């Protein structure tokens, strides 16, 4: 009996010692050579990435180098010998892996939560570029779940960095002393949240919804029952629904998805729709598809030039395992992207 017990303890310990590393070894070369420096602010409250319980036992997911700030900055220097003029700052707020069975989940899934933002620094002022703020799910039947997650995290961070080199930026300045409070600071300008009501009309981009400036060139057409029949332009031509970020009718907003428009609701955490990953993301895609490619992402001002776009980029294909779990999917108050929180 003692030998059996001792054998089980040793087996468990060996299993618990399995480690998968987030290597951050993809190329982050700035193809346009716009960037002079890349600085990382690691604001994670918990520096341990986490432990996953997968099909073949327990695995710890760790960064290849715990000094993430130095590692990322050296990574940039190694891949970018030709420099530009822009200083890019990253803030990493969350990086955590865990197992969870959310209220509507069919099973206990390995999950990853990542929140990372990027900014252009100029004359001690900061300009928001983009952020990745999401939870993605790994297939719980895959024996390589931990390895896949470590790889996905690396790909998401590298793709996010590359997008940030030339991403559009918000024109609103953020003082240095407000940088770590950027979300609250910038949300003061979000009229869709702060106004007492929403303006009826058609919004072709998240920026127009953010500013509450519906398109003067497009109108909603209704049937006799008052239901939205189509959206037309000034030439009375019907436009594809995929060109629309959302529309507001009688003060209620409806967000475009690949399965049609869904009503936007609001609580203390912001705007959200009720949906699942399998409903929003119709086909499988790599993690890179998410970076800078979400429908109606924030459009502001490019460095040195004002740019305003009314194009809706369409709904991103998503990443990870597309579970059928119905949940609240929030709409990022700064980018318009879908945010899964579980």
Protein backbone atom coordinates (compact mmCIF):
# COMPACT_ATOMS: atom_id res chain seq x y z
CA UNK A 1 0.00 0.00 0.00
CA UNK A 2 2.82 2.41 0.92
CA UNK A 3 4.57 1.75 -2.42
CA UNK A 4 1.35 2.42 -4.35
CA UNK A 5 0.76 5.66 -2.44
CA UNK A 6 4.36 6.77 -2.98
CA UNK A 7 4.08 5.96 -6.71
CA UNK A 8 0.89 8.06 -7.02
CA UNK A 9 2.52 11.03 -5.25
CA UNK A 10 5.56 10.87 -7.56
CA UNK A 11 3.28 10.60 -10.61
CA UNK A 12 1.28 13.65 -9.57
CA UNK A 13 4.41 15.67 -8.89
CA UNK A 14 5.90 14.80 -12.27
CA UNK A 15 2.63 15.71 -13.97
CA UNK A 16 2.48 19.06 -12.13
CA UNK A 17 6.01 19.90 -13.27
CA UNK A 18 5.07 20.04 -16.97
CA UNK A 19 5.70 23.54 -18.28
CA UNK A 20 4.80 25.24 -21.55
CA UNK A 21 6.64 28.46 -22.36
CA UNK A 22 5.31 31.56 -24.09
CA UNK A 23 8.35 32.10 -26.29
CA UNK A 24 7.61 35.41 -28.04
CA UNK A 25 9.88 34.39 -30.89
CA UNK A 26 7.90 35.51 -33.94
CA UNK A 27 9.20 38.35 -36.06
CA UNK A 28 8.01 41.80 -34.97
CA UNK A 29 9.82 43.66 -37.71
CA UNK A 30 8.28 47.03 -38.57
CA UNK A 31 8.04 46.65 -42.36
CA UNK A 32 7.58 50.38 -42.89
CA UNK A 33 10.36 51.35 -40.45
CA UNK A 34 8.14 53.93 -38.73
CA UNK A 35 9.05 53.04 -35.16
CA UNK A 36 12.04 54.26 -33.17
CA UNK A 37 11.36 52.51 -29.86
CA UNK A 38 9.01 50.06 -28.19
CA UNK A 39 8.48 50.34 -24.43
CA UNK A 40 6.50 47.91 -22.30
CA UNK A 41 4.80 48.81 -19.02
CA UNK A 42 3.93 45.58 -17.22
CA UNK A 43 0.97 46.46 -15.01
CA UNK A 44 -0.18 42.94 -14.22
CA UNK A 45 -1.16 42.56 -10.59
CA UNK A 46 -0.25 38.87 -10.76
CA UNK A 47 2.92 38.12 -12.68
CA UNK A 48 2.30 34.36 -12.80
CA UNK A 49 0.55 33.36 -16.04
CA UNK A 50 -1.20 30.34 -14.55
CA UNK A 51 -1.80 26.60 -14.49
CA UNK A 52 -4.09 24.59 -16.76
CA UNK A 53 -5.75 21.25 -16.16
CA UNK A 54 -5.82 19.53 -19.53
CA UNK A 55 -6.52 16.04 -20.86
CA UNK A 56 -3.00 14.79 -20.13
CA UNK A 57 -2.66 16.37 -16.70
CA UNK A 58 -1.63 19.72 -15.25
CA UNK A 59 0.63 22.16 -17.08
CA UNK A 60 2.02 25.50 -16.00
CA UNK A 61 2.18 28.21 -18.66
CA UNK A 62 5.09 30.60 -18.18
CA UNK A 63 6.86 33.38 -20.02
CA UNK A 64 10.22 32.37 -21.45
CA UNK A 65 11.69 35.33 -19.54
CA UNK A 66 10.04 36.69 -16.40
CA UNK A 67 11.57 40.14 -16.97
CA UNK A 68 9.00 40.83 -19.66
CA UNK A 69 9.77 44.54 -20.05
CA UNK A 70 13.43 43.96 -20.89
CA UNK A 71 12.64 40.92 -23.02
CA UNK A 72 10.08 42.71 -25.22
CA UNK A 73 12.23 45.79 -25.66
CA UNK A 74 15.24 43.67 -26.62
CA UNK A 75 12.99 41.65 -28.96
CA UNK A 76 12.08 44.87 -30.78
CA UNK A 77 15.72 46.00 -30.99
CA UNK A 78 16.79 42.63 -32.38
CA UNK A 79 14.15 42.63 -35.13
CA UNK A 80 14.35 46.32 -36.08
CA UNK A 81 17.76 47.61 -37.15
CA UNK A 82 16.30 50.39 -39.29
CA UNK A 83 14.38 52.86 -37.15
CA UNK A 84 11.76 55.53 -37.72
CA UNK A 85 10.57 58.41 -35.54
CA UNK A 86 7.67 56.97 -33.55
CA UNK A 87 7.86 55.89 -29.92
CA UNK A 88 5.31 53.16 -29.14
CA UNK A 89 4.32 52.29 -25.58
CA UNK A 90 2.55 49.05 -24.62
CA UNK A 91 0.65 48.52 -21.37
CA UNK A 92 0.06 44.90 -20.41
CA UNK A 93 -2.73 44.74 -17.84
CA UNK A 94 -3.72 41.08 -17.87
CA UNK A 95 -2.20 37.79 -19.00
CA UNK A 96 -3.76 34.83 -17.25
CA UNK A 97 -4.57 31.21 -18.13
CA UNK A 98 -7.09 29.21 -16.14
CA UNK A 99 -9.84 26.59 -16.31
CA UNK A 100 -13.45 27.70 -16.10
CA UNK A 101 -16.92 26.36 -16.59
CA UNK A 102 -18.96 29.53 -17.07
CA UNK A 103 -22.69 29.44 -16.21
CA UNK A 104 -23.74 28.40 -19.73
CA UNK A 105 -20.64 26.40 -20.69
CA UNK A 106 -21.14 22.75 -21.59
CA UNK A 107 -17.79 21.79 -20.07
CA UNK A 108 -14.79 23.01 -18.13
CA UNK A 109 -12.59 24.79 -20.68
CA UNK A 110 -8.97 26.02 -20.65
CA UNK A 111 -9.13 29.79 -21.13
CA UNK A 112 -6.85 32.78 -21.59
CA UNK A 113 -7.50 36.38 -20.63
CA UNK A 114 -5.34 39.04 -22.32
CA UNK A 115 -5.55 42.79 -22.02
CA UNK A 116 -2.85 44.82 -23.74
CA UNK A 117 -3.00 48.36 -25.12
CA UNK A 118 -0.73 50.45 -27.33
CA UNK A 119 -0.03 54.17 -27.50
CA UNK A 120 1.97 56.61 -29.56
CA UNK A 121 4.15 58.81 -27.36
CA UNK A 122 4.91 62.30 -28.59
CA UNK A 123 6.18 65.25 -26.54
CA UNK A 124 5.20 63.61 -23.25
CA UNK A 125 1.66 63.13 -24.52
CA UNK A 126 0.14 59.78 -25.39
CA UNK A 127 -2.31 58.83 -28.15
CA UNK A 128 -4.31 55.63 -27.97
CA UNK A 129 -3.76 53.24 -30.89
CA UNK A 130 -5.52 50.00 -30.06
CA UNK A 131 -6.04 47.29 -27.49
CA UNK A 132 -6.63 43.57 -27.34
CA UNK A 133 -8.99 42.83 -24.46
CA UNK A 134 -10.52 39.40 -24.62
CA UNK A 135 -10.92 35.86 -23.33
CA UNK A 136 -10.42 32.97 -25.71
CA UNK A 137 -11.13 29.30 -25.21
CA UNK A 138 -9.16 26.17 -26.06
CA UNK A 139 -10.71 22.81 -26.92
CA UNK A 140 -10.74 20.85 -23.65
CA UNK A 141 -10.38 17.52 -25.50
CA UNK A 142 -7.08 18.52 -27.10
CA UNK A 143 -4.11 16.94 -25.27
CA UNK A 144 -1.95 19.83 -26.52
CA UNK A 145 -4.22 22.53 -25.08
CA UNK A 146 -1.50 24.14 -22.92
CA UNK A 147 1.03 24.10 -25.77
CA UNK A 148 -1.53 25.60 -28.15
CA UNK A 149 -2.41 28.32 -25.68
CA UNK A 150 1.23 29.29 -25.15
CA UNK A 151 1.66 29.56 -28.91
CA UNK A 152 -1.56 31.54 -29.35
CA UNK A 153 -0.55 34.06 -26.68
CA UNK A 154 2.78 34.59 -28.42
CA UNK A 155 1.08 35.09 -31.78
CA UNK A 156 -1.52 37.50 -30.40
CA UNK A 157 1.10 39.69 -28.74
CA UNK A 158 3.40 39.73 -31.78
CA UNK A 159 0.53 40.51 -34.18
CA UNK A 160 -0.73 43.23 -31.84
CA UNK A 161 2.71 44.84 -31.76
CA UNK A 162 3.02 44.78 -35.55
CA UNK A 163 -0.43 46.30 -36.00
CA UNK A 164 0.44 49.05 -33.51
CA UNK A 165 3.38 50.27 -35.61
CA UNK A 166 1.05 51.81 -38.20
CA UNK A 167 -2.38 51.63 -36.58
CA UNK A 168 -4.68 54.62 -36.61
CA UNK A 169 -4.63 56.65 -33.42
CA UNK A 170 -7.18 58.61 -31.44
CA UNK A 171 -6.64 62.34 -31.72
CA UNK A 172 -7.37 62.88 -28.01
CA UNK A 173 -4.20 63.47 -26.00
CA UNK A 174 -3.57 61.57 -22.78
CA UNK A 175 -1.31 63.34 -20.24
CA UNK A 176 1.46 61.18 -18.81
CA UNK A 177 -0.08 61.22 -15.33
CA UNK A 178 -3.32 59.79 -16.78
CA UNK A 179 -1.76 57.06 -18.89
CA UNK A 180 -2.50 54.19 -16.51
CA UNK A 181 -6.04 55.56 -16.19
CA UNK A 182 -6.42 55.89 -19.97
CA UNK A 183 -9.75 54.07 -20.28
CA UNK A 184 -11.61 56.32 -17.86
CA UNK A 185 -9.86 59.39 -19.28
CA UNK A 186 -10.78 58.63 -22.90
CA UNK A 187 -14.29 57.38 -22.10
CA UNK A 188 -15.23 60.91 -21.06
CA UNK A 189 -15.39 61.67 -24.80
CA UNK A 190 -17.66 58.72 -25.64
CA UNK A 191 -21.00 60.38 -26.31
CA UNK A 192 -22.73 57.05 -26.89
CA UNK A 193 -22.12 56.24 -23.23
CA UNK A 194 -22.36 59.67 -21.65
CA UNK A 195 -25.36 61.12 -23.48
CA UNK A 196 -28.76 60.45 -21.94
CA UNK A 197 -30.09 58.91 -25.17
CA UNK A 198 -28.87 57.64 -28.53
CA UNK A 199 -29.57 59.47 -31.77
CA UNK A 200 -31.62 57.49 -34.30
CA UNK A 201 -29.91 56.73 -37.58
CA UNK A 202 -27.31 54.64 -39.37
CA UNK A 203 -23.74 54.40 -38.08
CA UNK A 204 -21.19 53.13 -40.57
CA UNK A 205 -18.29 52.97 -38.11
CA UNK A 206 -17.69 52.72 -34.41
CA UNK A 207 -16.21 56.23 -34.45
CA UNK A 208 -19.49 57.68 -35.67
CA UNK A 209 -21.34 55.79 -32.92
CA UNK A 210 -18.74 56.96 -30.36
CA UNK A 211 -19.28 60.57 -31.49
CA UNK A 212 -23.05 60.10 -31.99
CA UNK A 213 -22.95 61.37 -35.57
CA UNK A 214 -25.21 59.13 -37.67
CA UNK A 215 -24.71 59.21 -41.43
CA UNK A 216 -26.60 61.99 -43.20
CA UNK A 217 -26.34 59.96 -46.41
CA UNK A 218 -28.25 56.88 -45.21
CA UNK A 219 -31.73 56.21 -43.90
CA UNK A 220 -33.72 53.33 -42.45
CA UNK A 221 -36.72 52.06 -44.39
CA UNK A 222 -39.49 50.30 -42.45
CA UNK A 223 -42.42 48.11 -43.38
CA UNK A 224 -46.01 48.70 -42.24
CA UNK A 225 -45.29 46.94 -38.96
CA UNK A 226 -42.50 49.40 -38.22
CA UNK A 227 -39.76 46.80 -38.72
CA UNK A 228 -36.51 47.76 -40.43
CA UNK A 229 -36.73 46.55 -44.02
CA UNK A 230 -33.50 47.93 -45.48
CA UNK A 231 -30.93 50.71 -45.30
CA UNK A 232 -30.61 52.98 -48.33
CA UNK A 233 -28.30 55.78 -49.42
CA UNK A 234 -29.17 59.15 -50.95
CA UNK A 235 -29.59 57.50 -54.35
CA UNK A 236 -32.24 55.23 -52.78
CA UNK A 237 -29.95 52.25 -53.31
CA UNK A 238 -29.90 49.47 -50.76
CA UNK A 239 -26.47 49.04 -49.14
CA UNK A 240 -24.97 45.77 -47.81
CA UNK A 241 -25.64 45.36 -44.09
CA UNK A 242 -21.98 44.46 -43.59
CA UNK A 243 -21.14 48.12 -44.28
CA UNK A 244 -23.05 49.15 -41.16
CA UNK A 245 -21.57 49.12 -37.67
CA UNK A 246 -24.99 49.56 -36.09
CA UNK A 247 -28.24 51.45 -36.40
CA UNK A 248 -30.46 53.12 -33.79
CA UNK A 249 -34.23 52.99 -34.05
CA UNK A 250 -36.49 54.62 -31.45
CA UNK A 251 -33.48 55.03 -29.17
CA UNK A 252 -32.51 51.33 -29.31
CA UNK A 253 -29.25 50.31 -30.97
CA UNK A 254 -28.72 47.16 -33.05
CA UNK A 255 -25.24 45.80 -33.80
CA UNK A 256 -24.32 44.09 -37.04
CA UNK A 257 -23.18 40.45 -36.80
CA UNK A 258 -22.82 37.69 -39.38
CA UNK A 259 -26.17 36.36 -38.13
CA UNK A 260 -27.98 39.66 -38.53
CA UNK A 261 -28.44 42.65 -36.26
CA UNK A 262 -28.61 42.05 -32.52
CA UNK A 263 -30.06 44.45 -29.99
CA UNK A 264 -27.44 46.32 -27.95
CA UNK A 265 -28.18 46.40 -24.24
CA UNK A 266 -26.46 48.37 -21.49
CA UNK A 267 -25.48 47.78 -17.87
CA UNK A 268 -22.94 49.26 -15.46
CA UNK A 269 -20.11 47.63 -17.44
CA UNK A 270 -21.13 49.13 -20.78
CA UNK A 271 -22.85 48.03 -23.96
CA UNK A 272 -23.29 44.36 -24.83
CA UNK A 273 -25.15 41.91 -27.02
CA UNK A 274 -26.29 38.37 -26.21
CA UNK A 275 -24.46 35.87 -28.41
CA UNK A 276 -21.96 33.02 -28.55
CA UNK A 277 -18.58 32.64 -30.21
CA UNK A 278 -20.03 30.17 -32.70
CA UNK A 279 -22.71 32.71 -33.67
CA UNK A 280 -20.35 35.65 -34.11
CA UNK A 281 -17.45 33.88 -35.75
CA UNK A 282 -18.68 31.79 -38.61
CA UNK A 283 -15.46 30.11 -39.69
CA UNK A 284 -12.12 29.15 -38.18
CA UNK A 285 -9.25 31.58 -38.45
CA UNK A 286 -5.80 32.10 -36.96
CA UNK A 287 -5.25 34.40 -34.02
CA UNK A 288 -3.82 37.10 -36.24
CA UNK A 289 -7.21 37.70 -37.83
CA UNK A 290 -8.32 39.44 -34.66
CA UNK A 291 -5.67 42.10 -34.52
CA UNK A 292 -6.92 45.39 -35.93
CA UNK A 293 -9.61 43.58 -37.86
CA UNK A 294 -12.69 43.83 -35.68
CA UNK A 295 -15.82 45.40 -37.11
CA UNK A 296 -15.88 49.17 -36.92
CA UNK A 297 -12.71 49.61 -34.91
CA UNK A 298 -11.90 53.09 -33.69
CA UNK A 299 -10.77 55.47 -36.40
CA UNK A 300 -9.00 58.64 -35.35
CA UNK A 301 -6.03 60.54 -36.67
CA UNK A 302 -2.91 59.08 -38.24
CA UNK A 303 0.38 60.49 -37.07
CA UNK A 304 0.73 63.93 -38.64
CA UNK A 305 -2.48 63.73 -40.67
CA UNK A 306 -6.18 63.72 -39.92
CA UNK A 307 -7.93 60.66 -41.26
CA UNK A 308 -11.62 59.91 -41.00
CA UNK A 309 -13.02 56.69 -42.39
CA UNK A 310 -16.63 55.60 -42.67
CA UNK A 311 -15.79 52.06 -43.72
CA UNK A 312 -16.83 49.15 -41.56
CA UNK A 313 -14.15 46.47 -41.66
CA UNK A 314 -16.66 43.63 -41.24
CA UNK A 315 -16.87 41.14 -38.44
CA UNK A 316 -13.62 39.39 -37.60
CA UNK A 317 -13.48 35.62 -37.87
CA UNK A 318 -12.40 35.14 -34.30
CA UNK A 319 -9.87 32.83 -32.72
CA UNK A 320 -9.66 29.86 -30.42
CA UNK A 321 -12.40 27.28 -29.90
CA UNK A 322 -15.83 28.60 -30.90
CA UNK A 323 -18.06 27.39 -28.11
CA UNK A 324 -21.87 27.60 -28.35
CA UNK A 325 -22.03 29.23 -24.89
CA UNK A 326 -24.55 32.08 -24.91
CA UNK A 327 -23.21 35.00 -22.89
CA UNK A 328 -22.96 38.77 -22.67
CA UNK A 329 -20.51 39.96 -25.32
CA UNK A 330 -19.42 43.50 -24.51
CA UNK A 331 -18.56 46.19 -27.04
CA UNK A 332 -15.24 47.81 -26.23
CA UNK A 333 -15.86 51.46 -25.33
CA UNK A 334 -12.63 52.54 -27.08
CA UNK A 335 -12.44 50.29 -30.12
CA UNK A 336 -15.92 48.89 -30.79
CA UNK A 337 -14.55 45.35 -30.74
CA UNK A 338 -16.39 42.40 -29.23
CA UNK A 339 -15.17 41.48 -25.74
CA UNK A 340 -15.80 38.05 -24.27
CA UNK A 341 -15.36 38.03 -20.50
CA UNK A 342 -15.87 34.31 -19.93
